[in-house]
Amino acid sequence: MNKVSNGFRVFGCASQIDSRLIDRARRLPVANISDMMNRMDAGGAGIFPIHWAKGSKSIAGTALTVRTRPGDNLVVHKAIDMARPGDVILVDAGGDLTTAIMGEIMALLGKTKGVEGFVVDGAVRDRDEIAEMGMPMFARGITHRGPYKDGPGEVNVPVRIGGMVVNPGDLIVGDGDGVLSIPAADADQILSAGEAKLEAETKELASIRDGGVDRAWVDRLLNERGCVIYEGTYRDDSR
């Protein structure tokens, strides 16, 4: 009888994102890029930075994906062994918070391989030690309970991170607002739009600081949407 591999298999790594795109992505706020993806594909809800590398507030790199049974990190170890400098290892652990998928030892292994950062849809541990070594880490939560090493799991398959679909080889960007995944084929176009938005927002912020911002658009848009604006205070008969 042939062995069934679905659910317990390892695929090779996708091509890495061009370093020029990585540099551009690193300079953009995640929120700007998310807006340019129509706020639809840039999810990762509930995944927050546990720690930043010293002097850095963002990550950008190529997705190396892992899907594992909650509470088990056997295939995560395999992913670390496969990682290349600049990869971001994303672990779909089903959002489980009862058992840590990784901690100090695995974070240090990743650092020695040149991993850009870890993103875990689940829990991690050894927060203080990870902070001291300076490994960027995103996770859903923290717990002291350690993992098992039994399997199953998969490496370099499509995964879900906080509801966000991530494919191997996607461009991953993260900052204080969270993490998002950009399809490799769309990266240049999306980053160009994000750069234009950042330029526009920079000018808007300067106008606010100078006191010259025009807020007439607020009432105009309310009127267009059918909102009724009363000059007087609220009364029960004003409806």
C-alpha atoms as a PDB file:
ATOM      1  CA  MET A   1       0.000   0.000   0.000  1.00  0.00           C
ATOM      2  CA  ASN A   2       1.347   3.417  -0.935  1.00  0.00           C
ATOM      3  CA  LYS A   3       2.195   5.745   1.922  1.00  0.00           C
ATOM      4  CA  VAL A   4      -0.126   8.762   2.232  1.00  0.00           C
ATOM      5  CA  SER A   5       2.004  11.887   2.657  1.00  0.00           C
ATOM      6  CA  ASN A   6      -0.642  14.619   2.813  1.00  0.00           C
ATOM      7  CA  GLY A   7      -0.322  16.366   6.159  1.00  0.00           C
ATOM      8  CA  PHE A   8       3.229  15.132   6.774  1.00  0.00           C
ATOM      9  CA  ARG A   9       5.523  16.300   3.975  1.00  0.00           C
ATOM     10  CA  VAL A  10       8.324  18.748   3.179  1.00  0.00           C
ATOM     11  CA  PHE A  11       8.738  20.684  -0.079  1.00  0.00           C
ATOM     12  CA  GLY A  12      11.723  22.669  -1.330  1.00  0.00           C
ATOM     13  CA  CYS A  13      11.989  26.415  -0.801  1.00  0.00           C
ATOM     14  CA  ALA A  14      10.578  28.919  -3.288  1.00  0.00           C
ATOM     15  CA  SER A  15      12.816  31.480  -4.983  1.00  0.00           C
ATOM     16  CA  GLN A  16      13.782  34.377  -2.758  1.00  0.00           C
ATOM     17  CA  ILE A  17      12.418  37.869  -3.317  1.00  0.00           C
ATOM     18  CA  ASP A  18      14.766  40.307  -5.085  1.00  0.00           C
ATOM     19  CA  SER A  19      16.819  42.235  -2.525  1.00  0.00           C
ATOM     20  CA  ARG A  20      15.787  45.556  -4.077  1.00  0.00           C
ATOM     21  CA  LEU A  21      12.135  44.785  -3.379  1.00  0.00           C
ATOM     22  CA  ILE A  22      13.036  43.756   0.162  1.00  0.00           C
ATOM     23  CA  ASP A  23      14.764  47.093   0.760  1.00  0.00           C
ATOM     24  CA  ARG A  24      11.775  49.024  -0.590  1.00  0.00           C
ATOM     25  CA  ALA A  25       9.325  47.027   1.506  1.00  0.00           C
ATOM     26  CA  ARG A  26      11.334  47.579   4.667  1.00  0.00           C
ATOM     27  CA  ARG A  27      10.988  51.351   4.300  1.00  0.00           C
ATOM     28  CA  LEU A  28       7.179  51.305   4.069  1.00  0.00           C
ATOM     29  CA  PRO A  29       4.692  51.152   6.956  1.00  0.00           C
ATOM     30  CA  VAL A  30       2.637  47.966   6.897  1.00  0.00           C
ATOM     31  CA  ALA A  31      -0.526  50.084   7.083  1.00  0.00           C
ATOM     32  CA  ASN A  32       0.353  51.863   3.822  1.00  0.00           C
ATOM     33  CA  ILE A  33       0.895  48.588   2.010  1.00  0.00           C
ATOM     34  CA  SER A  34      -2.311  47.143   3.453  1.00  0.00           C
ATOM     35  CA  ASP A  35      -4.299  50.108   2.122  1.00  0.00           C
ATOM     36  CA  MET A  36      -2.865  49.491  -1.328  1.00  0.00           C
ATOM     37  CA  MET A  37      -4.122  45.903  -1.135  1.00  0.00           C
ATOM     38  CA  ASN A  38      -7.653  47.271  -0.610  1.00  0.00           C
ATOM     39  CA  ARG A  39      -7.567  46.088   3.020  1.00  0.00           C
ATOM     40  CA  MET A  40      -8.582  42.622   1.810  1.00  0.00           C
ATOM     41  CA  ASP A  41      -5.514  40.417   1.491  1.00  0.00           C
ATOM     42  CA  ALA A  42      -3.297  41.832   4.216  1.00  0.00           C
ATOM     43  CA  GLY A  43      -4.699  40.109   7.282  1.00  0.00           C
ATOM     44  CA  GLY A  44      -2.704  38.492  10.044  1.00  0.00           C
ATOM     45  CA  ALA A  45      -5.221  39.628  12.665  1.00  0.00           C
ATOM     46  CA  GLY A  46      -4.161  39.046  16.249  1.00  0.00           C
ATOM     47  CA  ILE A  47      -0.475  38.485  15.452  1.00  0.00           C
ATOM     48  CA  PHE A  48       1.724  41.033  17.241  1.00  0.00           C
ATOM     49  CA  PRO A  49       5.441  41.683  17.680  1.00  0.00           C
ATOM     50  CA  ILE A  50       6.819  39.981  20.778  1.00  0.00           C
ATOM     51  CA  HIS A  51      10.243  41.518  20.240  1.00  0.00           C
ATOM     52  CA  TRP A  52      12.247  43.586  17.753  1.00  0.00           C
ATOM     53  CA  ALA A  53      15.883  43.364  16.825  1.00  0.00           C
ATOM     54  CA  LYS A  54      17.907  46.205  18.348  1.00  0.00           C
ATOM     55  CA  GLY A  55      17.625  49.354  16.255  1.00  0.00           C
ATOM     56  CA  SER A  56      14.923  47.898  14.000  1.00  0.00           C
ATOM     57  CA  LYS A  57      11.163  48.294  13.941  1.00  0.00           C
ATOM     58  CA  SER A  58      10.322  46.267  10.838  1.00  0.00           C
ATOM     59  CA  ILE A  59      11.043  43.031   9.001  1.00  0.00           C
ATOM     60  CA  ALA A  60      10.912  42.126   5.321  1.00  0.00           C
ATOM     61  CA  GLY A  61      11.823  38.840   3.690  1.00  0.00           C
ATOM     62  CA  THR A  62      10.780  35.739   1.776  1.00  0.00           C
ATOM     63  CA  ALA A  63       8.147  33.416   3.219  1.00  0.00           C
ATOM     64  CA  LEU A  64       9.212  29.960   4.362  1.00  0.00           C
ATOM     65  CA  THR A  65       5.955  28.418   5.542  1.00  0.00           C
ATOM     66  CA  VAL A  66       5.154  25.716   8.088  1.00  0.00           C
ATOM     67  CA  ARG A  67       1.846  24.086   8.969  1.00  0.00           C
ATOM     68  CA  THR A  68       1.948  22.006  12.118  1.00  0.00           C
ATOM     69  CA  ARG A  69      -0.325  20.230  14.526  1.00  0.00           C
ATOM     70  CA  PRO A  70      -1.015  22.535  17.492  1.00  0.00           C
ATOM     71  CA  GLY A  71       1.574  21.972  20.196  1.00  0.00           C
ATOM     72  CA  ASP A  72       4.111  20.172  17.978  1.00  0.00           C
ATOM     73  CA  ASN A  73       7.267  21.680  16.452  1.00  0.00           C
ATOM     74  CA  LEU A  74       9.025  18.792  14.691  1.00  0.00           C
ATOM     75  CA  VAL A  75       8.542  20.265  11.209  1.00  0.00           C
ATOM     76  CA  VAL A  76       9.430  23.745  12.506  1.00  0.00           C
ATOM     77  CA  HIS A  77      12.882  22.364  13.299  1.00  0.00           C
ATOM     78  CA  LYS A  78      13.105  21.078   9.727  1.00  0.00           C
ATOM     79  CA  ALA A  79      12.147  24.521   8.388  1.00  0.00           C
ATOM     80  CA  ILE A  80      14.933  26.151  10.402  1.00  0.00           C
ATOM     81  CA  ASP A  81      17.422  23.683   8.938  1.00  0.00           C
ATOM     82  CA  MET A  82      16.202  24.626   5.440  1.00  0.00           C
ATOM     83  CA  ALA A  83      16.152  28.391   6.018  1.00  0.00           C
ATOM     84  CA  ARG A  84      18.308  30.791   4.011  1.00  0.00           C
ATOM     85  CA  PRO A  85      19.520  34.239   5.081  1.00  0.00           C
ATOM     86  CA  GLY A  86      16.627  36.667   4.679  1.00  0.00           C
ATOM     87  CA  ASP A  87      13.821  34.120   5.027  1.00  0.00           C
ATOM     88  CA  VAL A  88      10.875  34.779   7.333  1.00  0.00           C
ATOM     89  CA  ILE A  89       9.611  31.556   8.913  1.00  0.00           C
ATOM     90  CA  LEU A  90       5.829  31.578   9.324  1.00  0.00           C
ATOM     91  CA  VAL A  91       4.234  28.856  11.448  1.00  0.00           C
ATOM     92  CA  ASP A  92       0.539  28.019  11.204  1.00  0.00           C
ATOM     93  CA  ALA A  93      -0.092  26.319  14.547  1.00  0.00           C
ATOM     94  CA  GLY A  94      -3.838  26.803  14.393  1.00  0.00           C
ATOM     95  CA  GLY A  95      -3.783  29.759  16.779  1.00  0.00           C
ATOM     96  CA  ASP A  96      -3.391  27.417  19.764  1.00  0.00           C
ATOM     97  CA  LEU A  97      -2.163  29.149  22.928  1.00  0.00           C
ATOM     98  CA  THR A  98      -1.881  26.179  25.299  1.00  0.00           C
ATOM     99  CA  THR A  99       1.607  25.105  24.181  1.00  0.00           C
ATOM    100  CA  ALA A 100       4.584  27.145  22.955  1.00  0.00           C
ATOM    101  CA  ILE A 101       5.745  26.196  19.470  1.00  0.00           C
ATOM    102  CA  MET A 102       9.232  27.614  20.000  1.00  0.00           C
ATOM    103  CA  GLY A 103      11.481  29.506  22.373  1.00  0.00           C
ATOM    104  CA  GLU A 104      15.066  30.627  22.952  1.00  0.00           C
ATOM    105  CA  ILE A 105      16.863  27.622  21.443  1.00  0.00           C
ATOM    106  CA  MET A 106      14.970  27.652  18.151  1.00  0.00           C
ATOM    107  CA  ALA A 107      15.164  31.438  17.919  1.00  0.00           C
ATOM    108  CA  LEU A 108      18.949  31.240  18.286  1.00  0.00           C
ATOM    109  CA  LEU A 109      19.144  28.484  15.679  1.00  0.00           C
ATOM    110  CA  GLY A 110      17.239  30.766  13.323  1.00  0.00           C
ATOM    111  CA  LYS A 111      19.491  33.695  14.084  1.00  0.00           C
ATOM    112  CA  THR A 112      22.608  31.683  13.251  1.00  0.00           C
ATOM    113  CA  LYS A 113      21.025  30.821   9.869  1.00  0.00           C
ATOM    114  CA  GLY A 114      20.342  34.500   9.101  1.00  0.00           C
ATOM    115  CA  VAL A 115      16.558  34.206   9.451  1.00  0.00           C
ATOM    116  CA  GLU A 116      14.899  37.631   9.166  1.00  0.00           C
ATOM    117  CA  GLY A 117      12.234  36.824  11.740  1.00  0.00           C
ATOM    118  CA  PHE A 118       9.590  34.388  12.959  1.00  0.00           C
ATOM    119  CA  VAL A 119       5.798  34.700  12.726  1.00  0.00           C
ATOM    120  CA  VAL A 120       3.835  32.168  14.794  1.00  0.00           C
ATOM    121  CA  ASP A 121       0.059  31.809  14.731  1.00  0.00           C
ATOM    122  CA  GLY A 122       0.217  30.244  18.158  1.00  0.00           C
ATOM    123  CA  ALA A 123       2.263  30.719  21.316  1.00  0.00           C
ATOM    124  CA  VAL A 124       5.989  31.091  21.991  1.00  0.00           C
ATOM    125  CA  ARG A 125       8.056  31.211  25.186  1.00  0.00           C
ATOM    126  CA  ASP A 126      11.379  32.554  26.543  1.00  0.00           C
ATOM    127  CA  ARG A 127      10.338  36.086  25.697  1.00  0.00           C
ATOM    128  CA  ASP A 128      13.112  37.774  27.706  1.00  0.00           C
ATOM    129  CA  GLU A 129      15.844  35.578  26.234  1.00  0.00           C
ATOM    130  CA  ILE A 130      14.583  36.163  22.694  1.00  0.00           C
ATOM    131  CA  ALA A 131      14.586  39.892  23.389  1.00  0.00           C
ATOM    132  CA  GLU A 132      18.161  39.745  24.634  1.00  0.00           C
ATOM    133  CA  MET A 133      19.402  37.948  21.514  1.00  0.00           C
ATOM    134  CA  GLY A 134      17.575  40.410  19.243  1.00  0.00           C
ATOM    135  CA  MET A 135      15.504  38.027  17.112  1.00  0.00           C
ATOM    136  CA  PRO A 136      12.346  39.637  15.643  1.00  0.00           C
ATOM    137  CA  MET A 137       9.372  37.549  16.758  1.00  0.00           C
ATOM    138  CA  PHE A 138       5.656  37.848  16.046  1.00  0.00           C
ATOM    139  CA  ALA A 139       3.154  35.565  17.780  1.00  0.00           C
ATOM    140  CA  ARG A 140      -0.429  35.281  18.950  1.00  0.00           C
ATOM    141  CA  GLY A 141       0.578  34.786  22.576  1.00  0.00           C
ATOM    142  CA  ILE A 142       3.042  33.526  25.182  1.00  0.00           C
ATOM    143  CA  THR A 143       3.014  30.483  27.453  1.00  0.00           C
ATOM    144  CA  HIS A 144       5.625  28.590  29.481  1.00  0.00           C
ATOM    145  CA  ARG A 145       4.391  25.130  28.413  1.00  0.00           C
ATOM    146  CA  GLY A 146       6.755  23.458  25.960  1.00  0.00           C
ATOM    147  CA  PRO A 147       6.044  21.628  22.674  1.00  0.00           C
ATOM    148  CA  TYR A 148       6.115  18.023  21.491  1.00  0.00           C
ATOM    149  CA  LYS A 149       8.120  16.595  18.584  1.00  0.00           C
ATOM    150  CA  ASP A 150       5.923  13.922  17.052  1.00  0.00           C
ATOM    151  CA  GLY A 151       4.450  15.474  13.904  1.00  0.00           C
ATOM    152  CA  PRO A 152       2.650  15.604  11.644  1.00  0.00           C
ATOM    153  CA  GLY A 153       3.130  18.835   9.742  1.00  0.00           C
ATOM    154  CA  GLU A 154       4.154  20.337   6.406  1.00  0.00           C
ATOM    155  CA  VAL A 155       6.864  22.697   5.164  1.00  0.00           C
ATOM    156  CA  ASN A 156       6.495  25.090   2.220  1.00  0.00           C
ATOM    157  CA  VAL A 157       2.771  24.701   1.646  1.00  0.00           C
ATOM    158  CA  PRO A 158       0.066  27.410   1.712  1.00  0.00           C
ATOM    159  CA  VAL A 159      -0.766  28.372   5.313  1.00  0.00           C
ATOM    160  CA  ARG A 160      -3.121  30.677   7.206  1.00  0.00           C
ATOM    161  CA  ILE A 161      -1.691  33.198   9.638  1.00  0.00           C
ATOM    162  CA  GLY A 162      -4.437  35.032  11.502  1.00  0.00           C
ATOM    163  CA  GLY A 163      -6.781  34.361   8.589  1.00  0.00           C
ATOM    164  CA  MET A 164      -4.222  35.599   6.050  1.00  0.00           C
ATOM    165  CA  VAL A 165      -3.270  33.124   3.328  1.00  0.00           C
ATOM    166  CA  VAL A 166       0.500  32.924   2.845  1.00  0.00           C
ATOM    167  CA  ASN A 167       2.187  31.028   0.029  1.00  0.00           C
ATOM    168  CA  PRO A 168       5.829  29.945   0.028  1.00  0.00           C
ATOM    169  CA  GLY A 169       7.927  32.673  -1.590  1.00  0.00           C
ATOM    170  CA  ASP A 170       5.554  35.543  -0.757  1.00  0.00           C
ATOM    171  CA  LEU A 171       7.046  38.853   0.357  1.00  0.00           C
ATOM    172  CA  ILE A 172       6.484  39.198   4.112  1.00  0.00           C
ATOM    173  CA  VAL A 173       6.523  42.598   5.822  1.00  0.00           C
ATOM    174  CA  GLY A 174       5.937  43.301   9.497  1.00  0.00           C
ATOM    175  CA  ASP A 175       6.025  46.222  11.916  1.00  0.00           C
ATOM    176  CA  GLY A 176       4.217  47.378  15.056  1.00  0.00           C
ATOM    177  CA  ASP A 177       0.853  47.095  13.305  1.00  0.00           C
ATOM    178  CA  GLY A 178       1.352  43.410  12.481  1.00  0.00           C
ATOM    179  CA  VAL A 179       2.316  41.264   9.520  1.00  0.00           C
ATOM    180  CA  LEU A 180       1.162  41.055   5.918  1.00  0.00           C
ATOM    181  CA  SER A 181       1.914  38.875   2.923  1.00  0.00           C
ATOM    182  CA  ILE A 182       2.364  40.204  -0.613  1.00  0.00           C
ATOM    183  CA  PRO A 183       2.246  37.778  -3.563  1.00  0.00           C
ATOM    184  CA  ALA A 184       5.672  37.816  -5.200  1.00  0.00           C
ATOM    185  CA  ALA A 185       4.239  38.567  -8.662  1.00  0.00           C
ATOM    186  CA  ASP A 186       2.423  41.665  -7.344  1.00  0.00           C
ATOM    187  CA  ALA A 187       5.165  43.035  -5.103  1.00  0.00           C
ATOM    188  CA  ASP A 188       6.585  45.734  -7.395  1.00  0.00           C
ATOM    189  CA  GLN A 189       3.162  47.187  -8.252  1.00  0.00           C
ATOM    190  CA  ILE A 190       1.935  47.154  -4.650  1.00  0.00           C
ATOM    191  CA  LEU A 191       5.130  48.685  -3.289  1.00  0.00           C
ATOM    192  CA  SER A 192       5.013  51.463  -5.904  1.00  0.00           C
ATOM    193  CA  ALA A 193       1.471  52.311  -4.809  1.00  0.00           C
ATOM    194  CA  GLY A 194       2.550  52.186  -1.165  1.00  0.00           C
ATOM    195  CA  GLU A 195       5.423  54.566  -1.834  1.00  0.00           C
ATOM    196  CA  ALA A 196       3.051  57.050  -3.474  1.00  0.00           C
ATOM    197  CA  LYS A 197       0.703  56.819  -0.491  1.00  0.00           C
ATOM    198  CA  LEU A 198       3.543  57.366   1.959  1.00  0.00           C
ATOM    199  CA  GLU A 199       4.576  60.505   0.063  1.00  0.00           C
ATOM    200  CA  ALA A 200       0.998  61.836   0.132  1.00  0.00           C
ATOM    201  CA  GLU A 201       0.612  61.092   3.848  1.00  0.00           C
ATOM    202  CA  THR A 202       3.930  62.756   4.621  1.00  0.00           C
ATOM    203  CA  LYS A 203       2.648  65.949   2.990  1.00  0.00           C
ATOM    204  CA  GLU A 204      -0.673  65.670   4.857  1.00  0.00           C
ATOM    205  CA  LEU A 205       1.082  65.302   8.205  1.00  0.00           C
ATOM    206  CA  ALA A 206       3.191  68.363   7.440  1.00  0.00           C
ATOM    207  CA  SER A 207       0.021  70.341   6.660  1.00  0.00           C
ATOM    208  CA  ILE A 208      -1.545  69.273   9.965  1.00  0.00           C
ATOM    209  CA  ARG A 209       1.512  70.391  11.901  1.00  0.00           C
ATOM    210  CA  ASP A 210       1.470  73.725  10.051  1.00  0.00           C
ATOM    211  CA  GLY A 211      -2.244  74.216  10.750  1.00  0.00           C
ATOM    212  CA  GLY A 212      -3.126  74.407   7.060  1.00  0.00           C
ATOM    213  CA  VAL A 213      -5.143  71.228   6.606  1.00  0.00           C
ATOM    214  CA  ASP A 214      -8.509  71.431   4.806  1.00  0.00           C
ATOM    215  CA  ARG A 215     -11.202  69.415   6.631  1.00  0.00           C
ATOM    216  CA  ALA A 216     -14.131  70.413   4.420  1.00  0.00           C
ATOM    217  CA  TRP A 217     -14.192  66.923   2.933  1.00  0.00           C
ATOM    218  CA  VAL A 218     -15.657  65.459   6.157  1.00  0.00           C
ATOM    219  CA  ASP A 219     -19.009  67.272   5.972  1.00  0.00           C
ATOM    220  CA  ARG A 220     -19.069  66.898   2.206  1.00  0.00           C
ATOM    221  CA  LEU A 221     -18.705  63.129   2.454  1.00  0.00           C
ATOM    222  CA  LEU A 222     -21.280  62.890   5.248  1.00  0.00           C
ATOM    223  CA  ASN A 223     -23.768  64.754   3.061  1.00  0.00           C
ATOM    224  CA  GLU A 224     -23.030  62.509   0.105  1.00  0.00           C
ATOM    225  CA  ARG A 225     -23.663  59.453   2.281  1.00  0.00           C
ATOM    226  CA  GLY A 226     -27.011  60.816   3.467  1.00  0.00           C
ATOM    227  CA  CYS A 227     -26.087  61.817   7.016  1.00  0.00           C
ATOM    228  CA  VAL A 228     -28.357  64.443   8.667  1.00  0.00           C
ATOM    229  CA  ILE A 229     -26.446  67.073  10.657  1.00  0.00           C
ATOM    230  CA  TYR A 230     -28.454  69.047  13.258  1.00  0.00           C
ATOM    231  CA  GLU A 231     -27.367  72.417  14.607  1.00  0.00           C
ATOM    232  CA  GLY A 232     -29.131  71.857  17.927  1.00  0.00           C
ATOM    233  CA  THR A 233     -28.510  69.324  20.702  1.00  0.00           C
ATOM    234  CA  TYR A 234     -30.013  65.831  20.822  1.00  0.00           C
ATOM    235  CA  ARG A 235     -33.726  65.474  21.707  1.00  0.00           C
ATOM    236  CA  ASP A 236     -35.961  62.403  21.720  1.00  0.00           C
ATOM    237  CA  ASP A 237     -38.116  63.978  19.005  1.00  0.00           C
ATOM    238  CA  SER A 238     -35.170  64.750  16.716  1.00  0.00           C
ATOM    239  CA  ARG A 239     -35.435  61.376  14.989  1.00  0.00           C
END
